[in-house]
Protein backbone atom coordinates (compact mmCIF):
# COMPACT_ATOMS: atom_id res chain seq x y z
CA MET A 1 -2.72 1.41 -4.91
CA ALA A 2 -1.82 -2.26 -4.86
CA ASP A 3 -3.95 -5.26 -4.01
CA ASP A 4 -4.41 -8.66 -5.63
CA ASN A 5 -8.19 -8.62 -5.19
CA THR A 6 -9.69 -6.47 -7.95
CA LEU A 7 -12.94 -5.86 -6.07
CA VAL A 8 -11.12 -4.75 -2.91
CA ARG A 9 -8.66 -2.61 -4.90
CA LYS A 10 -11.42 -0.87 -6.89
CA GLY A 11 -13.49 -0.36 -3.73
CA ILE A 12 -10.61 1.26 -1.85
CA ILE A 13 -9.81 3.44 -4.87
CA SER A 14 -13.45 4.55 -5.06
CA CYS A 15 -13.48 5.44 -1.35
CA LEU A 16 -10.22 7.38 -1.62
CA GLU A 17 -11.42 9.30 -4.69
CA GLN A 18 -14.63 10.27 -2.89
CA LEU A 19 -12.54 11.95 -0.20
CA GLY A 20 -11.33 14.44 -2.78
CA GLY A 21 -7.83 15.82 -3.21
CA ILE A 22 -6.49 12.37 -4.08
CA GLU A 23 -5.31 11.47 -7.56
CA LEU A 24 -4.68 7.84 -8.43
CA VAL A 25 -1.55 7.70 -10.56
CA MET A 26 -0.72 4.01 -10.37
CA GLU A 27 -2.65 0.80 -9.77
CA ALA A 28 -1.19 -2.68 -9.45
CA LYS A 29 -2.50 -6.18 -8.80
CA ASP A 30 0.41 -6.98 -6.45
CA GLY A 31 3.67 -5.71 -5.04
CA LEU A 32 5.77 -7.08 -7.89
CA GLU A 33 3.69 -5.28 -10.51
CA LEU A 34 3.86 -2.10 -8.43
CA ILE A 35 7.66 -2.28 -8.24
CA HIS A 36 7.89 -2.75 -12.02
CA LYS A 37 5.61 0.24 -12.59
CA LEU A 38 7.62 2.39 -10.19
CA GLU A 39 10.86 1.46 -11.95
CA ARG A 40 9.41 2.57 -15.31
CA ALA A 41 7.60 5.66 -14.03
CA ASN A 42 8.53 9.13 -15.30
CA GLU A 43 6.97 10.63 -12.20
CA LEU A 44 6.72 8.88 -8.84
CA PRO A 45 3.62 8.95 -6.64
CA ASP A 46 3.71 10.69 -3.27
CA HIS A 47 2.24 7.66 -1.47
CA PHE A 48 1.66 3.94 -1.85
CA VAL A 49 -1.49 2.40 -0.39
CA GLY A 50 -1.67 -1.33 0.20
CA TYR A 51 -4.38 -3.47 1.72
CA GLN A 52 -2.92 -6.03 4.12
CA HIS A 53 -4.07 -9.61 3.79
CA ALA A 54 -2.81 -12.19 6.25
CA TYR A 55 0.80 -13.09 5.53
CA ASP A 56 1.15 -11.55 2.07
CA GLY A 57 4.18 -9.87 0.55
CA ARG A 58 3.29 -6.34 1.67
CA ARG A 59 6.20 -6.17 4.12
CA GLN A 60 8.75 -7.04 1.41
CA THR A 61 7.14 -4.56 -1.00
CA THR A 62 7.24 -1.84 1.64
CA GLU A 63 10.89 -2.57 2.46
CA LEU A 64 11.87 -2.37 -1.21
CA ILE A 65 9.90 0.84 -1.83
CA LYS A 66 11.39 2.53 1.23
CA SER A 67 14.92 1.48 0.26
CA LYS A 68 14.70 2.48 -3.43
CA TRP A 69 12.30 5.44 -3.13
CA PRO A 70 12.45 6.70 0.48
CA ASP A 71 10.33 9.77 -0.28
CA ILE A 72 7.26 7.68 -1.18
CA GLY A 73 4.92 7.48 1.81
CA VAL A 74 3.44 4.08 2.62
CA PHE A 75 -0.05 3.49 4.01
CA VAL A 76 -1.20 -0.01 4.94
CA LEU A 77 -4.89 -0.79 5.41
CA THR A 78 -5.71 -3.95 7.33
CA VAL A 79 -8.32 -5.87 9.27
CA PHE A 80 -5.74 -8.20 10.83
CA ASP A 81 -4.39 -7.69 14.33
CA ASN A 82 -0.79 -8.84 14.11
CA GLU A 83 1.25 -6.74 16.53
CA ARG A 84 4.69 -7.95 15.38
CA TYR A 85 3.83 -7.18 11.76
CA MET A 86 2.52 -3.72 12.66
CA ILE A 87 5.68 -2.89 14.63
CA ARG A 88 7.91 -3.96 11.73
CA MET A 89 5.91 -1.88 9.23
CA ILE A 90 5.94 1.19 11.49
CA GLN A 91 9.70 0.79 11.94
CA ARG A 92 9.92 0.98 8.15
CA ASP A 93 8.04 4.30 8.29
CA ALA A 94 4.71 2.91 7.12
CA LYS A 95 1.53 4.59 8.32
CA TRP A 96 -1.12 2.22 9.55
CA VAL A 97 -4.90 2.08 9.47
CA HIS A 98 -6.42 -0.82 11.37
CA SER A 99 -10.09 -1.66 11.19
CA GLU A 100 -11.66 -4.18 13.54
CA ARG A 101 -13.58 -6.97 11.86
CA SER A 102 -17.24 -7.02 12.84
C-alpha cells in the first residue's frame, strides 16, 4: 500500500484488513519509497494498492512496477474522474476502483 497521506493510507489498510484474507506486507509513503522497498524485498507482494490523488506520480510508479515486476497486480483507488488517466492505467494492466465524491 502506498500513499503520501498517513491518515488515508492507514484508513485504507484498516478497511482492507477488515475484509479478511488480505495480508499487508509492505507500506510506503510514496511511489519512490515503494520502489526502493520492492528492490530490497526478499519476497514480493502479489498486489500493489495505491490511492490516486489528482496528478500525482501513481502512473509513473505503476509503469515502473509493471515493467520491473510484471507479476505484481496493481489496484488504483480514486475519487477523481479523469478518463484519459484511467485509460492509460488500464492499458498498463491496472485494476481500477472509482468512487464518486459526495
